[in-house]
C-alpha atoms as a PDB file:
ATOM      1  CA  MET A   1       5.007   8.935  10.294  1.00  0.00           C
ATOM      2  CA  ARG A   2       3.812   6.073  12.450  1.00  0.00           C
ATOM      3  CA  ILE A   3       4.565   2.418  11.826  1.00  0.00           C
ATOM      4  CA  TYR A   4       1.271   0.697  11.051  1.00  0.00           C
ATOM      5  CA  SER A   5       0.296  -2.968  11.065  1.00  0.00           C
ATOM      6  CA  HIS A   6      -2.283  -4.845   9.028  1.00  0.00           C
ATOM      7  CA  ILE A   7      -3.179  -8.358   7.935  1.00  0.00           C
ATOM      8  CA  PHE A   8      -3.774  -9.610   4.397  1.00  0.00           C
ATOM      9  CA  HIS A   9      -4.761 -13.261   3.902  1.00  0.00           C
ATOM     10  CA  GLY A  10      -3.635 -14.068   7.448  1.00  0.00           C
ATOM     11  CA  LEU A  11      -0.159 -12.543   6.979  1.00  0.00           C
ATOM     12  CA  HIS A  12       1.003  -9.752   9.260  1.00  0.00           C
ATOM     13  CA  LEU A  13       2.484  -6.619   7.630  1.00  0.00           C
ATOM     14  CA  GLN A  14       4.096  -3.463   8.909  1.00  0.00           C
ATOM     15  CA  THR A  15       4.814  -0.199   7.116  1.00  0.00           C
ATOM     16  CA  GLY A  16       7.565  -0.897   4.577  1.00  0.00           C
ATOM     17  CA  ASP A  17       6.798  -4.588   4.021  1.00  0.00           C
ATOM     18  CA  ILE A  18       6.196  -5.649   0.424  1.00  0.00           C
ATOM     19  CA  ILE A  19       3.036  -7.263  -0.905  1.00  0.00           C
ATOM     20  CA  CYS A  20       3.918  -9.553  -3.804  1.00  0.00           C
ATOM     21  CA  THR A  21       1.341 -10.444  -6.413  1.00  0.00           C
ATOM     22  CA  GLN A  22       0.942 -12.247  -9.691  1.00  0.00           C
ATOM     23  CA  ASP A  23      -0.692 -10.541 -12.655  1.00  0.00           C
ATOM     24  CA  GLY A  24      -4.227 -11.593 -13.418  1.00  0.00           C
ATOM     25  CA  GLU A  25      -7.125 -13.355 -11.793  1.00  0.00           C
ATOM     26  CA  ALA A  26      -8.456 -16.771 -12.745  1.00  0.00           C
ATOM     27  CA  ASP A  27     -12.122 -15.771 -12.430  1.00  0.00           C
ATOM     28  CA  SER A  28     -12.429 -13.358 -15.365  1.00  0.00           C
ATOM     29  CA  LEU A  29     -11.504 -13.135 -19.027  1.00  0.00           C
ATOM     30  CA  PHE A  30      -9.747  -9.800 -18.490  1.00  0.00           C
ATOM     31  CA  GLY A  31      -7.951 -11.282 -15.485  1.00  0.00           C
ATOM     32  CA  ARG A  32      -6.720 -14.158 -17.640  1.00  0.00           C
ATOM     33  CA  LEU A  33      -5.382 -11.609 -20.158  1.00  0.00           C
ATOM     34  CA  TRP A  34      -3.468  -9.919 -17.325  1.00  0.00           C
ATOM     35  CA  ARG A  35      -2.115 -13.328 -16.317  1.00  0.00           C
ATOM     36  CA  ALA A  36      -0.862 -13.874 -19.890  1.00  0.00           C
ATOM     37  CA  PHE A  37       0.910 -10.504 -19.676  1.00  0.00           C
ATOM     38  CA  GLY A  38       2.516 -11.610 -16.401  1.00  0.00           C
ATOM     39  CA  LYS A  39       4.094 -14.586 -18.180  1.00  0.00           C
ATOM     40  CA  LEU A  40       6.531 -12.088 -19.735  1.00  0.00           C
ATOM     41  CA  VAL A  41       8.006 -11.455 -16.278  1.00  0.00           C
ATOM     42  CA  PRO A  42      10.292 -14.238 -15.036  1.00  0.00           C
ATOM     43  CA  GLY A  43       9.330 -16.048 -11.846  1.00  0.00           C
ATOM     44  CA  GLU A  44       6.141 -16.398  -9.865  1.00  0.00           C
ATOM     45  CA  ILE A  45       6.076 -12.779  -8.656  1.00  0.00           C
ATOM     46  CA  ASP A  46       4.981 -10.173 -11.227  1.00  0.00           C
ATOM     47  CA  HIS A  47       4.246  -7.115  -9.103  1.00  0.00           C
ATOM     48  CA  CYS A  48       5.387  -5.413  -5.886  1.00  0.00           C
ATOM     49  CA  VAL A  49       3.291  -3.130  -3.677  1.00  0.00           C
ATOM     50  CA  LEU A  50       4.637  -1.350  -0.595  1.00  0.00           C
ATOM     51  CA  TYR A  51       2.426  -1.450   2.493  1.00  0.00           C
ATOM     52  CA  LEU A  52       2.022   1.978   4.144  1.00  0.00           C
ATOM     53  CA  GLY A  53      -0.896   1.822   6.549  1.00  0.00           C
ATOM     54  CA  PRO A  54      -3.098   2.605   8.303  1.00  0.00           C
ATOM     55  CA  GLY A  55      -5.512  -0.174   7.381  1.00  0.00           C
ATOM     56  CA  GLY A  56      -5.066  -1.387   3.822  1.00  0.00           C
ATOM     57  CA  ARG A  57      -3.302   1.750   2.559  1.00  0.00           C
ATOM     58  CA  CYS A  58      -0.611   0.854   0.010  1.00  0.00           C
ATOM     59  CA  ILE A  59       1.530   2.449  -2.697  1.00  0.00           C
ATOM     60  CA  GLU A  60       2.601   1.075  -6.067  1.00  0.00           C
ATOM     61  CA  SER A  61       3.826   2.043  -9.481  1.00  0.00           C
ATOM     62  CA  ALA A  62       1.676   0.643 -12.269  1.00  0.00           C
ATOM     63  CA  ALA A  63      -0.213   1.907 -15.330  1.00  0.00           C
ATOM     64  CA  ARG A  64      -1.172   5.190 -13.628  1.00  0.00           C
ATOM     65  CA  GLY A  65       2.341   5.779 -12.297  1.00  0.00           C
ATOM     66  CA  VAL A  66       3.058   5.967  -8.580  1.00  0.00           C
ATOM     67  CA  ILE A  67      -0.258   5.987  -6.704  1.00  0.00           C
ATOM     68  CA  VAL A  68      -1.550   5.471  -3.189  1.00  0.00           C
ATOM     69  CA  PHE A  69      -4.624   3.282  -2.795  1.00  0.00           C
ATOM     70  CA  HIS A  70      -6.573   1.644   0.008  1.00  0.00           C
ATOM     71  CA  MET A  71      -7.391  -2.079  -0.237  1.00  0.00           C
ATOM     72  CA  PRO A  72     -10.419  -2.595   2.014  1.00  0.00           C
ATOM     73  CA  GLY A  73     -10.501  -5.450   4.488  1.00  0.00           C
ATOM     74  CA  GLU A  74      -7.991  -8.224   4.988  1.00  0.00           C
ATOM     75  CA  THR A  75      -8.370  -9.913   1.606  1.00  0.00           C
ATOM     76  CA  TRP A  76      -6.669  -8.734  -1.594  1.00  0.00           C
ATOM     77  CA  GLU A  77      -9.554  -7.878  -3.923  1.00  0.00           C
ATOM     78  CA  SER A  78      -8.043  -6.295  -7.021  1.00  0.00           C
ATOM     79  CA  GLN A  79     -11.382  -6.257  -8.882  1.00  0.00           C
ATOM     80  CA  ALA A  80     -12.703  -3.754  -6.329  1.00  0.00           C
ATOM     81  CA  LEU A  81      -9.946  -1.259  -7.201  1.00  0.00           C
ATOM     82  CA  PHE A  82      -9.516  -1.943 -10.898  1.00  0.00           C
ATOM     83  CA  LYS A  83     -10.701   1.520 -11.993  1.00  0.00           C
ATOM     84  CA  GLN A  84      -8.209   3.169  -9.646  1.00  0.00           C
ATOM     85  CA  ARG A  85      -5.241   0.850 -10.269  1.00  0.00           C
ATOM     86  CA  LEU A  86      -5.889  -0.391 -13.827  1.00  0.00           C
ATOM     87  CA  LEU A  87      -4.455  -3.697 -12.666  1.00  0.00           C
ATOM     88  CA  LEU A  88      -5.844  -7.102 -11.822  1.00  0.00           C
ATOM     89  CA  ASP A  89      -3.546  -9.171  -9.644  1.00  0.00           C
ATOM     90  CA  THR A  90      -3.616 -12.113  -7.264  1.00  0.00           C
ATOM     91  CA  PHE A  91      -2.052 -12.002  -3.795  1.00  0.00           C
ATOM     92  CA  ILE A  92       0.923 -14.396  -3.494  1.00  0.00           C
ATOM     93  CA  GLY A  93       2.546 -13.348  -0.217  1.00  0.00           C
ATOM     94  CA  VAL A  94       4.535 -10.799   1.770  1.00  0.00           C
ATOM     95  CA  ALA A  95       8.254 -10.089   1.532  1.00  0.00           C
ATOM     96  CA  TYR A  96       9.867  -8.835   4.737  1.00  0.00           C
ATOM     97  CA  PRO A  97      13.006  -6.876   3.738  1.00  0.00           C
ATOM     98  CA  LEU A  98      14.008  -6.050   7.320  1.00  0.00           C
ATOM     99  CA  GLN A  99      13.392  -9.443   8.885  1.00  0.00           C
ATOM    100  CA  GLY A 100      16.581 -11.315   9.743  1.00  0.00           C
ATOM    101  CA  ARG A 101      18.783  -8.205   9.568  1.00  0.00           C
ATOM    102  CA  TYR A 102      18.750  -7.829  13.367  1.00  0.00           C
ATOM    103  CA  TYR A 103      18.601  -4.050  13.385  1.00  0.00           C
ATOM    104  CA  PRO A 104      17.872  -2.387  16.722  1.00  0.00           C
ATOM    105  CA  PRO A 105      14.159  -1.487  16.914  1.00  0.00           C
ATOM    106  CA  GLU A 106      14.879   2.251  16.579  1.00  0.00           C
ATOM    107  CA  LYS A 107      16.883   1.749  13.366  1.00  0.00           C
ATOM    108  CA  GLU A 108      14.274  -0.583  11.878  1.00  0.00           C
ATOM    109  CA  ALA A 109      11.515   1.955  12.619  1.00  0.00           C
ATOM    110  CA  ARG A 110      13.612   4.739  11.060  1.00  0.00           C
ATOM    111  CA  ILE A 111      14.131   2.667   7.890  1.00  0.00           C
ATOM    112  CA  ARG A 112      10.427   1.791   7.657  1.00  0.00           C
ATOM    113  CA  ARG A 113       9.471   5.471   7.927  1.00  0.00           C
ATOM    114  CA  ALA A 114      12.130   6.552   5.405  1.00  0.00           C
ATOM    115  CA  VAL A 115      11.101   3.910   2.851  1.00  0.00           C
ATOM    116  CA  ALA A 116       7.455   4.956   3.124  1.00  0.00           C
ATOM    117  CA  ALA A 117       8.406   8.645   2.878  1.00  0.00           C
ATOM    118  CA  PHE A 118      10.500   7.991  -0.255  1.00  0.00           C
ATOM    119  CA  CYS A 119       7.581   6.275  -1.981  1.00  0.00           C
ATOM    120  CA  LEU A 120       5.044   8.882  -0.865  1.00  0.00           C
ATOM    121  CA  GLU A 121       7.271  11.626  -2.243  1.00  0.00           C
ATOM    122  CA  GLN A 122       7.203   9.924  -5.656  1.00  0.00           C
ATOM    123  CA  ALA A 123       3.380   9.822  -5.533  1.00  0.00           C
ATOM    124  CA  MET A 124       3.254  13.457  -4.433  1.00  0.00           C
ATOM    125  CA  HIS A 125       5.255  14.371  -7.558  1.00  0.00           C
ATOM    126  CA  SER A 126       2.989  12.178  -9.735  1.00  0.00           C
ATOM    127  CA  LYS A 127       5.934  10.154 -11.018  1.00  0.00           C
ATOM    128  CA  PRO A 128       4.970   8.186 -14.133  1.00  0.00           C
ATOM    129  CA  TYR A 129       5.447   4.501 -14.830  1.00  0.00           C
ATOM    130  CA  ASN A 130       8.969   3.831 -16.127  1.00  0.00           C
ATOM    131  CA  LEU A 131       8.770   1.796 -19.326  1.00  0.00           C
ATOM    132  CA  ASN A 132      12.569   1.788 -19.602  1.00  0.00           C
ATOM    133  CA  TYR A 133      13.153  -1.337 -17.507  1.00  0.00           C
ATOM    134  CA  LEU A 134      16.829  -1.292 -18.497  1.00  0.00           C
ATOM    135  CA  ASP A 135      17.405   1.893 -16.457  1.00  0.00           C
ATOM    136  CA  PRO A 136      16.407   1.201 -12.851  1.00  0.00           C
ATOM    137  CA  GLN A 137      18.734   3.930 -11.557  1.00  0.00           C
ATOM    138  CA  ASN A 138      16.695   6.828 -12.972  1.00  0.00           C
ATOM    139  CA  ASP A 139      14.360   8.904 -10.825  1.00  0.00           C
ATOM    140  CA  TYR A 140      12.076  10.347 -13.517  1.00  0.00           C
ATOM    141  CA  GLY A 141       9.687   7.384 -13.289  1.00  0.00           C
ATOM    142  CA  PHE A 142       9.383   3.978 -11.638  1.00  0.00           C
ATOM    143  CA  TYR A 143       8.203   0.491 -12.432  1.00  0.00           C
ATOM    144  CA  CYS A 144       6.836  -1.487  -9.478  1.00  0.00           C
ATOM    145  CA  SER A 145       9.944  -3.303  -8.277  1.00  0.00           C
ATOM    146  CA  GLN A 146      12.164  -0.329  -9.123  1.00  0.00           C
ATOM    147  CA  LEU A 147      10.183   1.866  -6.709  1.00  0.00           C
ATOM    148  CA  VAL A 148      10.665  -0.605  -3.861  1.00  0.00           C
ATOM    149  CA  TYR A 149      14.309  -1.216  -4.813  1.00  0.00           C
ATOM    150  CA  LYS A 150      15.154   2.520  -4.865  1.00  0.00           C
ATOM    151  CA  ALA A 151      13.345   3.173  -1.575  1.00  0.00           C
ATOM    152  CA  TYR A 152      15.382   0.507   0.208  1.00  0.00           C
ATOM    153  CA  LEU A 153      18.625   1.308  -1.640  1.00  0.00           C
ATOM    154  CA  ALA A 154      18.419   4.856  -0.241  1.00  0.00           C
ATOM    155  CA  GLN A 155      18.621   3.178   3.199  1.00  0.00           C
ATOM    156  CA  GLY A 156      21.653   1.047   2.254  1.00  0.00           C
ATOM    157  CA  ILE A 157      19.661  -2.143   1.554  1.00  0.00           C
ATOM    158  CA  ASN A 158      20.074  -3.604  -1.939  1.00  0.00           C
ATOM    159  CA  LEU A 159      17.110  -5.812  -2.884  1.00  0.00           C
ATOM    160  CA  ASN A 160      18.438  -6.409  -6.421  1.00  0.00           C
ATOM    161  CA  SER A 161      19.381  -9.985  -5.551  1.00  0.00           C
ATOM    162  CA  SER A 162      19.953 -11.457  -9.042  1.00  0.00           C
ATOM    163  CA  GLN A 163      18.343 -14.609  -7.623  1.00  0.00           C
ATOM    164  CA  GLY A 164      15.908 -16.650  -9.689  1.00  0.00           C
ATOM    165  CA  VAL A 165      15.904 -14.475 -12.822  1.00  0.00           C
ATOM    166  CA  PRO A 166      17.994 -14.277 -15.997  1.00  0.00           C
ATOM    167  CA  LYS A 167      20.892 -11.916 -15.436  1.00  0.00           C
ATOM    168  CA  ASN A 168      22.810 -11.774 -18.662  1.00  0.00           C
ATOM    169  CA  GLY A 169      22.874  -9.398 -21.598  1.00  0.00           C
ATOM    170  CA  LEU A 170      20.198  -6.726 -21.690  1.00  0.00           C
ATOM    171  CA  LEU A 171      18.298  -8.219 -18.743  1.00  0.00           C
ATOM    172  CA  ALA A 172      21.187  -7.758 -16.291  1.00  0.00           C
ATOM    173  CA  ASP A 173      20.109  -4.292 -15.137  1.00  0.00           C
ATOM    174  CA  ILE A 174      16.388  -4.975 -14.687  1.00  0.00           C
ATOM    175  CA  VAL A 175      15.181  -5.265 -11.094  1.00  0.00           C
ATOM    176  CA  PHE A 176      12.525  -7.984 -11.380  1.00  0.00           C
ATOM    177  CA  PRO A 177       9.771  -8.439  -8.765  1.00  0.00           C
ATOM    178  CA  GLN A 178      10.969 -12.039  -8.295  1.00  0.00           C
ATOM    179  CA  GLU A 179      14.372 -10.700  -7.191  1.00  0.00           C
ATOM    180  CA  ILE A 180      12.729  -8.598  -4.484  1.00  0.00           C
ATOM    181  CA  TRP A 181      10.861 -11.694  -3.261  1.00  0.00           C
ATOM    182  CA  ASN A 182      14.047 -13.780  -3.306  1.00  0.00           C
ATOM    183  CA  ALA A 183      16.101 -11.095  -1.535  1.00  0.00           C
ATOM    184  CA  CYS A 184      13.767 -11.083   1.470  1.00  0.00           C
ATOM    185  CA  LEU A 185      12.457 -13.510   4.002  1.00  0.00           C
ATOM    186  CA  HIS A 186       8.892 -14.064   2.820  1.00  0.00           C
ATOM    187  CA  ARG A 187       5.671 -15.905   3.548  1.00  0.00           C
ATOM    188  CA  LYS A 188       2.641 -17.096   1.635  1.00  0.00           C
ATOM    189  CA  PRO A 189      -0.795 -17.686   3.157  1.00  0.00           C
ATOM    190  CA  GLY A 190      -0.757 -20.997   4.979  1.00  0.00           C
ATOM    191  CA  ASP A 191       3.014 -20.995   5.621  1.00  0.00           C
ATOM    192  CA  GLU A 192       3.853 -21.868   9.186  1.00  0.00           C
ATOM    193  CA  ALA A 193       5.158 -18.956  11.235  1.00  0.00           C
END
């Protein structure tokens, strides 16, 4: 598999980078309902999507389970893909899990390919959405941040940062999207490079 590059909202991505979104859109009633659902998830980030390439090709785990989809153009337009994804979300930024780790280029490329291959394998097997958030170690299904977490964990990178989310009692085992964001160097549109 090649390493692809793309731009969303002025932010550069490569295969294996993580698009972070917030549930809902402000411009529609249904989008506002999604936003209300997102309030149940701690932090600003409600959803994680792995960038694959080429173009706007991405993979996620959501209502339909693990699916591959293609976001056209360089702007995140969730309305355009609602029927395919059953999700309305707003682009927040990009998390760069390999940035700042100073891996040699060959190792970084190997990790990017392996992470993408892990996620694509889950889509190939039509893995369902995992509603058991308390068990992120299972492989029978995945929630969004669990898919990204497991793909990177298989490469020795633990993105379960415990940063910025409640981590006591029953919530201790959940891998929240906000943790993925906090575990990585990240950028939002308009941030200086």
